[in-house]
Amino acid sequence: APAPAQDAAPEQPIELLRRAFDRRYGADTHQQMSLRLTSRGREVQHQQLEVVTKMENGQLRALARFTAPPDLRDTALLVMEQEGRPDDYFLYLPALAKVRRVSGAQRSDSFMGTDLTYEDLERRGMEDFEDLRVRRESVGGEDALTVNAHPTQPSGYERVEFAIAPGDATILETRYYAREIACHYSFMHENLMDMNHQFLHRRLMGSIKTRFLALRREHDG
């Protein structure tokens, strides 16, 4: 009689995370983000962003532009990934009609008073994380393998968790843990087409809802 089939060896965290990053960053995206901050059940701030990402010669280009409120409208940040050196950041301030270069030392600073930081627009790579550990959990009713990772470079986050669907390596949720508080915020992903973002920061509760308007891979026509 044939020998019983053996279960496949569990995928190593480094390979699982590599597949997830290849899937996430192997496409150009056009997103709309709505940021809402509430305090004691009352909305205190509402901001809207348009974010476009594109791969150009293997390097990420990301442009984030405020569309609301009026006092921030058209304020924009351009992130240009560089090889062998820190990424370039350029902040456009329409009120001054000036472009200001943001230093690499400010990459973990708050972006225009939001709960986002400059580094949140960067592309993640395997070289950015170490001490990888994996566990099983359920995210939105779907089985997931969650990789706990620590940044290798100075960062505003102590660690990051990536909840990944083991089949197609879709990142279902990303949780950022700040050094000051237990959980900074988390991104909820649904098949790369809809993303909800909830966070706790400075005693303000809020949410970010992101809608992908376009998703195109480099080899698409």
C-alpha atoms as a PDB file:
ATOM      1  CA  ALA A   1       0.000   0.000   0.000  1.00  0.00           C
ATOM      2  CA  PRO A   2       1.301   3.496  -0.756  1.00  0.00           C
ATOM      3  CA  ALA A   3       2.691   5.435   2.137  1.00  0.00           C
ATOM      4  CA  PRO A   4       0.355   8.096   3.566  1.00  0.00           C
ATOM      5  CA  ALA A   5       0.955  11.571   2.207  1.00  0.00           C
ATOM      6  CA  GLN A   6       3.092  13.720   4.403  1.00  0.00           C
ATOM      7  CA  ASP A   7       1.993  17.221   5.333  1.00  0.00           C
ATOM      8  CA  ALA A   8       4.047  19.883   3.642  1.00  0.00           C
ATOM      9  CA  ALA A   9       6.694  21.455   5.825  1.00  0.00           C
ATOM     10  CA  PRO A  10       5.491  24.730   7.335  1.00  0.00           C
ATOM     11  CA  GLU A  11       6.670  27.761   5.405  1.00  0.00           C
ATOM     12  CA  GLN A  12       9.441  29.692   7.076  1.00  0.00           C
ATOM     13  CA  PRO A  13       8.518  33.225   8.235  1.00  0.00           C
ATOM     14  CA  ILE A  14      11.127  34.805   5.975  1.00  0.00           C
ATOM     15  CA  GLU A  15       9.704  33.124   2.866  1.00  0.00           C
ATOM     16  CA  LEU A  16       6.114  33.899   3.812  1.00  0.00           C
ATOM     17  CA  LEU A  17       6.921  37.571   4.364  1.00  0.00           C
ATOM     18  CA  ARG A  18       8.922  37.696   1.128  1.00  0.00           C
ATOM     19  CA  ARG A  19       5.909  36.393  -0.830  1.00  0.00           C
ATOM     20  CA  ALA A  20       3.625  38.899   0.901  1.00  0.00           C
ATOM     21  CA  PHE A  21       5.877  41.850   0.053  1.00  0.00           C
ATOM     22  CA  ASP A  22       6.211  40.687  -3.563  1.00  0.00           C
ATOM     23  CA  ARG A  23       2.425  40.628  -3.864  1.00  0.00           C
ATOM     24  CA  ARG A  24       1.847  43.966  -2.115  1.00  0.00           C
ATOM     25  CA  TYR A  25       4.538  46.015  -3.857  1.00  0.00           C
ATOM     26  CA  GLY A  26       4.394  44.327  -7.253  1.00  0.00           C
ATOM     27  CA  ALA A  27       1.569  46.633  -8.351  1.00  0.00           C
ATOM     28  CA  ASP A  28       0.932  50.321  -8.997  1.00  0.00           C
ATOM     29  CA  THR A  29      -1.918  51.685  -6.862  1.00  0.00           C
ATOM     30  CA  HIS A  30      -4.258  54.680  -6.696  1.00  0.00           C
ATOM     31  CA  GLN A  31      -5.925  55.105  -3.304  1.00  0.00           C
ATOM     32  CA  GLN A  32      -8.292  57.456  -1.503  1.00  0.00           C
ATOM     33  CA  MET A  33      -7.874  57.714   2.257  1.00  0.00           C
ATOM     34  CA  SER A  34     -10.293  59.206   4.757  1.00  0.00           C
ATOM     35  CA  LEU A  35      -8.860  59.984   8.203  1.00  0.00           C
ATOM     36  CA  ARG A  36     -11.209  60.657  11.119  1.00  0.00           C
ATOM     37  CA  LEU A  37     -10.152  61.487  14.656  1.00  0.00           C
ATOM     38  CA  THR A  38     -12.722  61.345  17.436  1.00  0.00           C
ATOM     39  CA  SER A  39     -12.511  62.187  21.119  1.00  0.00           C
ATOM     40  CA  ARG A  40     -15.193  60.908  23.526  1.00  0.00           C
ATOM     41  CA  GLY A  41     -17.387  59.985  20.614  1.00  0.00           C
ATOM     42  CA  ARG A  42     -17.141  63.381  18.941  1.00  0.00           C
ATOM     43  CA  GLU A  43     -15.300  63.937  15.681  1.00  0.00           C
ATOM     44  CA  VAL A  44     -12.523  66.470  16.127  1.00  0.00           C
ATOM     45  CA  GLN A  45     -10.741  66.132  12.806  1.00  0.00           C
ATOM     46  CA  HIS A  46     -11.506  64.839   9.312  1.00  0.00           C
ATOM     47  CA  GLN A  47      -8.882  64.723   6.585  1.00  0.00           C
ATOM     48  CA  GLN A  48      -8.799  63.202   3.133  1.00  0.00           C
ATOM     49  CA  LEU A  49      -5.774  62.058   1.163  1.00  0.00           C
ATOM     50  CA  GLU A  50      -5.172  60.782  -2.341  1.00  0.00           C
ATOM     51  CA  VAL A  51      -2.207  58.421  -2.607  1.00  0.00           C
ATOM     52  CA  VAL A  52      -0.617  57.151  -5.825  1.00  0.00           C
ATOM     53  CA  THR A  53       2.211  54.613  -5.867  1.00  0.00           C
ATOM     54  CA  LYS A  54       4.193  53.491  -8.903  1.00  0.00           C
ATOM     55  CA  MET A  55       7.194  51.294  -9.512  1.00  0.00           C
ATOM     56  CA  GLU A  56       9.756  52.974 -11.775  1.00  0.00           C
ATOM     57  CA  ASN A  57      12.902  51.056 -12.736  1.00  0.00           C
ATOM     58  CA  GLY A  58      12.429  48.882  -9.672  1.00  0.00           C
ATOM     59  CA  GLN A  59      12.118  51.852  -7.311  1.00  0.00           C
ATOM     60  CA  LEU A  60       8.961  52.982  -5.513  1.00  0.00           C
ATOM     61  CA  ARG A  61       7.503  56.436  -6.174  1.00  0.00           C
ATOM     62  CA  ALA A  62       4.702  57.507  -3.808  1.00  0.00           C
ATOM     63  CA  LEU A  63       2.724  60.746  -3.906  1.00  0.00           C
ATOM     64  CA  ALA A  64       0.303  61.641  -1.091  1.00  0.00           C
ATOM     65  CA  ARG A  65      -1.864  64.764  -1.526  1.00  0.00           C
ATOM     66  CA  PHE A  66      -4.446  66.229   0.843  1.00  0.00           C
ATOM     67  CA  THR A  67      -7.850  66.927  -0.707  1.00  0.00           C
ATOM     68  CA  ALA A  68      -9.503  68.077   2.558  1.00  0.00           C
ATOM     69  CA  PRO A  69      -9.803  70.063   4.806  1.00  0.00           C
ATOM     70  CA  PRO A  70      -9.425  73.387   2.942  1.00  0.00           C
ATOM     71  CA  ASP A  71      -6.432  74.561   4.998  1.00  0.00           C
ATOM     72  CA  LEU A  72      -4.459  71.435   3.987  1.00  0.00           C
ATOM     73  CA  ARG A  73      -5.781  70.983   0.443  1.00  0.00           C
ATOM     74  CA  ASP A  74      -3.023  70.334  -2.132  1.00  0.00           C
ATOM     75  CA  THR A  75      -0.352  69.882   0.531  1.00  0.00           C
ATOM     76  CA  ALA A  76       1.616  66.970  -0.896  1.00  0.00           C
ATOM     77  CA  LEU A  77       4.455  64.615  -0.071  1.00  0.00           C
ATOM     78  CA  LEU A  78       6.584  62.890  -2.710  1.00  0.00           C
ATOM     79  CA  VAL A  79       8.632  59.873  -1.644  1.00  0.00           C
ATOM     80  CA  MET A  80      11.312  58.643  -4.037  1.00  0.00           C
ATOM     81  CA  GLU A  81      12.965  55.371  -3.122  1.00  0.00           C
ATOM     82  CA  GLN A  82      16.720  55.322  -3.631  1.00  0.00           C
ATOM     83  CA  GLU A  83      19.147  52.442  -3.933  1.00  0.00           C
ATOM     84  CA  GLY A  84      22.007  52.339  -1.464  1.00  0.00           C
ATOM     85  CA  ARG A  85      20.970  55.479   0.423  1.00  0.00           C
ATOM     86  CA  PRO A  86      17.994  56.880   2.352  1.00  0.00           C
ATOM     87  CA  ASP A  87      14.847  57.691   0.402  1.00  0.00           C
ATOM     88  CA  ASP A  88      14.160  61.262  -0.714  1.00  0.00           C
ATOM     89  CA  TYR A  89      11.148  63.131   0.716  1.00  0.00           C
ATOM     90  CA  PHE A  90       9.789  66.368  -0.726  1.00  0.00           C
ATOM     91  CA  LEU A  91       6.937  68.263   0.966  1.00  0.00           C
ATOM     92  CA  TYR A  92       4.950  70.800  -1.056  1.00  0.00           C
ATOM     93  CA  LEU A  93       3.338  73.599   0.979  1.00  0.00           C
ATOM     94  CA  PRO A  94       0.797  75.434  -1.229  1.00  0.00           C
ATOM     95  CA  ALA A  95       0.329  78.308   1.219  1.00  0.00           C
ATOM     96  CA  LEU A  96       3.996  79.188   0.731  1.00  0.00           C
ATOM     97  CA  ALA A  97       4.246  77.890  -2.848  1.00  0.00           C
ATOM     98  CA  LYS A  98       7.425  76.110  -1.749  1.00  0.00           C
ATOM     99  CA  VAL A  99       8.862  72.611  -1.795  1.00  0.00           C
ATOM    100  CA  ARG A 100      10.728  71.584   1.349  1.00  0.00           C
ATOM    101  CA  ARG A 101      13.044  68.601   1.570  1.00  0.00           C
ATOM    102  CA  VAL A 102      12.349  66.373   4.569  1.00  0.00           C
ATOM    103  CA  SER A 103      15.452  64.892   6.171  1.00  0.00           C
ATOM    104  CA  GLY A 104      15.800  61.182   6.766  1.00  0.00           C
ATOM    105  CA  ALA A 105      16.001  61.868  10.499  1.00  0.00           C
ATOM    106  CA  GLN A 106      12.346  62.994  10.350  1.00  0.00           C
ATOM    107  CA  ARG A 107      11.017  59.815   8.704  1.00  0.00           C
ATOM    108  CA  SER A 108       9.287  58.685  11.918  1.00  0.00           C
ATOM    109  CA  ASP A 109       7.725  62.113  12.553  1.00  0.00           C
ATOM    110  CA  SER A 110       3.999  62.753  12.168  1.00  0.00           C
ATOM    111  CA  PHE A 111       2.946  63.711   8.645  1.00  0.00           C
ATOM    112  CA  MET A 112       1.161  67.094   8.831  1.00  0.00           C
ATOM    113  CA  GLY A 113      -0.398  66.368  12.224  1.00  0.00           C
ATOM    114  CA  THR A 114      -1.943  63.034  11.166  1.00  0.00           C
ATOM    115  CA  ASP A 115      -1.285  59.677  12.800  1.00  0.00           C
ATOM    116  CA  LEU A 116       0.662  58.682   9.694  1.00  0.00           C
ATOM    117  CA  THR A 117       4.422  59.055   9.597  1.00  0.00           C
ATOM    118  CA  TYR A 118       6.667  59.688   6.626  1.00  0.00           C
ATOM    119  CA  GLU A 119       8.014  56.137   6.811  1.00  0.00           C
ATOM    120  CA  ASP A 120       4.488  54.724   6.393  1.00  0.00           C
ATOM    121  CA  LEU A 121       4.741  55.570   2.682  1.00  0.00           C
ATOM    122  CA  GLU A 122       7.966  53.635   2.227  1.00  0.00           C
ATOM    123  CA  ARG A 123       8.211  50.221   0.609  1.00  0.00           C
ATOM    124  CA  ARG A 124       8.911  47.421   3.048  1.00  0.00           C
ATOM    125  CA  GLY A 125      11.670  44.941   2.277  1.00  0.00           C
ATOM    126  CA  MET A 126      13.080  41.837   3.896  1.00  0.00           C
ATOM    127  CA  GLU A 127      16.196  43.768   4.874  1.00  0.00           C
ATOM    128  CA  ASP A 128      14.038  46.069   7.012  1.00  0.00           C
ATOM    129  CA  PHE A 129      13.108  43.384   9.556  1.00  0.00           C
ATOM    130  CA  GLU A 130      14.723  40.807  11.789  1.00  0.00           C
ATOM    131  CA  ASP A 131      13.837  38.388  14.612  1.00  0.00           C
ATOM    132  CA  LEU A 132      10.853  37.007  12.672  1.00  0.00           C
ATOM    133  CA  ARG A 133       8.349  34.830  14.546  1.00  0.00           C
ATOM    134  CA  VAL A 134       5.085  33.386  13.290  1.00  0.00           C
ATOM    135  CA  ARG A 135       1.823  32.272  14.887  1.00  0.00           C
ATOM    136  CA  ARG A 136      -1.611  31.240  13.656  1.00  0.00           C
ATOM    137  CA  GLU A 137      -4.727  33.332  14.211  1.00  0.00           C
ATOM    138  CA  SER A 138      -8.047  34.280  12.626  1.00  0.00           C
ATOM    139  CA  VAL A 139      -8.464  37.687  10.978  1.00  0.00           C
ATOM    140  CA  GLY A 140     -11.995  38.593   9.918  1.00  0.00           C
ATOM    141  CA  GLY A 141     -12.932  34.922   9.997  1.00  0.00           C
ATOM    142  CA  GLU A 142     -10.034  33.952   7.730  1.00  0.00           C
ATOM    143  CA  ASP A 143      -7.095  31.780   8.781  1.00  0.00           C
ATOM    144  CA  ALA A 144      -3.854  33.711   8.865  1.00  0.00           C
ATOM    145  CA  LEU A 145      -0.189  33.291   9.673  1.00  0.00           C
ATOM    146  CA  THR A 146       0.984  36.347  11.592  1.00  0.00           C
ATOM    147  CA  VAL A 147       4.638  37.298  11.341  1.00  0.00           C
ATOM    148  CA  ASN A 148       6.014  39.379  14.208  1.00  0.00           C
ATOM    149  CA  ALA A 149       9.004  41.430  13.009  1.00  0.00           C
ATOM    150  CA  HIS A 150      11.378  43.975  14.532  1.00  0.00           C
ATOM    151  CA  PRO A 151      12.809  46.844  12.416  1.00  0.00           C
ATOM    152  CA  THR A 152      16.517  46.568  11.690  1.00  0.00           C
ATOM    153  CA  GLN A 153      16.912  50.336  11.332  1.00  0.00           C
ATOM    154  CA  PRO A 154      15.899  53.195  13.685  1.00  0.00           C
ATOM    155  CA  SER A 155      12.125  53.509  13.504  1.00  0.00           C
ATOM    156  CA  GLY A 156       9.184  55.039  15.314  1.00  0.00           C
ATOM    157  CA  TYR A 157       7.873  51.502  15.782  1.00  0.00           C
ATOM    158  CA  GLU A 158       9.212  48.871  18.134  1.00  0.00           C
ATOM    159  CA  ARG A 159       7.740  46.022  16.096  1.00  0.00           C
ATOM    160  CA  VAL A 160       5.283  45.268  13.306  1.00  0.00           C
ATOM    161  CA  GLU A 161       2.911  42.342  12.833  1.00  0.00           C
ATOM    162  CA  PHE A 162       1.820  41.158   9.383  1.00  0.00           C
ATOM    163  CA  ALA A 163      -1.227  38.860   9.293  1.00  0.00           C
ATOM    164  CA  ILE A 164      -0.877  36.951   6.001  1.00  0.00           C
ATOM    165  CA  ALA A 165      -3.193  34.551   4.167  1.00  0.00           C
ATOM    166  CA  PRO A 166      -1.028  31.429   3.738  1.00  0.00           C
ATOM    167  CA  GLY A 167      -2.413  30.579   0.300  1.00  0.00           C
ATOM    168  CA  ASP A 168      -1.888  33.666  -1.870  1.00  0.00           C
ATOM    169  CA  ALA A 169       0.207  35.664   0.640  1.00  0.00           C
ATOM    170  CA  THR A 170      -2.271  38.547   0.814  1.00  0.00           C
ATOM    171  CA  ILE A 171      -1.517  40.814   3.776  1.00  0.00           C
ATOM    172  CA  LEU A 172      -4.839  40.819   5.638  1.00  0.00           C
ATOM    173  CA  GLU A 173      -3.780  43.142   8.429  1.00  0.00           C
ATOM    174  CA  THR A 174      -0.699  45.090   9.472  1.00  0.00           C
ATOM    175  CA  ARG A 175      -0.266  46.203  13.086  1.00  0.00           C
ATOM    176  CA  TYR A 176       2.269  48.825  14.119  1.00  0.00           C
ATOM    177  CA  TYR A 177       3.413  48.908  17.739  1.00  0.00           C
ATOM    178  CA  ALA A 178       4.890  52.196  18.890  1.00  0.00           C
ATOM    179  CA  ARG A 179       7.465  52.476  21.625  1.00  0.00           C
ATOM    180  CA  GLU A 180       5.323  54.840  23.702  1.00  0.00           C
ATOM    181  CA  ILE A 181       2.062  52.874  23.714  1.00  0.00           C
ATOM    182  CA  ALA A 182       1.073  49.249  23.291  1.00  0.00           C
ATOM    183  CA  CYS A 183      -0.534  49.418  19.847  1.00  0.00           C
ATOM    184  CA  HIS A 184      -0.118  52.374  17.519  1.00  0.00           C
ATOM    185  CA  TYR A 185      -2.536  51.339  14.783  1.00  0.00           C
ATOM    186  CA  SER A 186      -3.446  48.574  12.407  1.00  0.00           C
ATOM    187  CA  PHE A 187      -4.223  48.324   8.702  1.00  0.00           C
ATOM    188  CA  MET A 188      -7.020  45.941   7.719  1.00  0.00           C
ATOM    189  CA  HIS A 189      -6.766  44.699   4.139  1.00  0.00           C
ATOM    190  CA  GLU A 190      -9.412  42.902   2.089  1.00  0.00           C
ATOM    191  CA  ASN A 191      -7.953  41.323  -1.061  1.00  0.00           C
ATOM    192  CA  LEU A 192      -5.923  44.502  -1.667  1.00  0.00           C
ATOM    193  CA  MET A 193      -9.125  46.322  -2.684  1.00  0.00           C
ATOM    194  CA  ASP A 194     -10.426  47.792   0.575  1.00  0.00           C
ATOM    195  CA  MET A 195      -8.483  48.718   3.664  1.00  0.00           C
ATOM    196  CA  ASN A 196      -9.663  49.933   7.066  1.00  0.00           C
ATOM    197  CA  HIS A 197      -7.186  51.471   9.463  1.00  0.00           C
ATOM    198  CA  GLN A 198      -7.890  51.914  13.165  1.00  0.00           C
ATOM    199  CA  PHE A 199      -5.575  53.423  15.717  1.00  0.00           C
ATOM    200  CA  LEU A 200      -5.158  54.733  19.229  1.00  0.00           C
ATOM    201  CA  HIS A 201      -2.886  57.742  19.579  1.00  0.00           C
ATOM    202  CA  ARG A 202      -2.613  60.503  22.184  1.00  0.00           C
ATOM    203  CA  ARG A 203      -5.985  59.524  23.677  1.00  0.00           C
ATOM    204  CA  LEU A 204      -7.714  60.107  20.349  1.00  0.00           C
ATOM    205  CA  MET A 205      -9.639  57.285  18.708  1.00  0.00           C
ATOM    206  CA  GLY A 206      -9.864  57.352  14.946  1.00  0.00           C
ATOM    207  CA  SER A 207     -10.084  55.448  11.723  1.00  0.00           C
ATOM    208  CA  ILE A 208      -8.734  55.554   8.209  1.00  0.00           C
ATOM    209  CA  LYS A 209     -10.667  54.032   5.336  1.00  0.00           C
ATOM    210  CA  THR A 210      -8.776  53.445   2.121  1.00  0.00           C
ATOM    211  CA  ARG A 211     -10.275  52.595  -1.262  1.00  0.00           C
ATOM    212  CA  PHE A 212      -8.048  51.290  -4.050  1.00  0.00           C
ATOM    213  CA  LEU A 213      -9.171  53.022  -7.251  1.00  0.00           C
ATOM    214  CA  ALA A 214      -6.674  51.163  -9.407  1.00  0.00           C
ATOM    215  CA  LEU A 215      -4.324  48.243  -8.987  1.00  0.00           C
ATOM    216  CA  ARG A 216      -1.997  47.417 -11.887  1.00  0.00           C
ATOM    217  CA  ARG A 217       1.040  45.203 -11.959  1.00  0.00           C
ATOM    218  CA  GLU A 218       4.143  46.115 -13.951  1.00  0.00           C
ATOM    219  CA  HIS A 219       3.549  43.376 -16.528  1.00  0.00           C
ATOM    220  CA  ASP A 220      -0.097  44.356 -17.165  1.00  0.00           C
ATOM    221  CA  GLY A 221      -0.890  45.987 -20.472  1.00  0.00           C
END
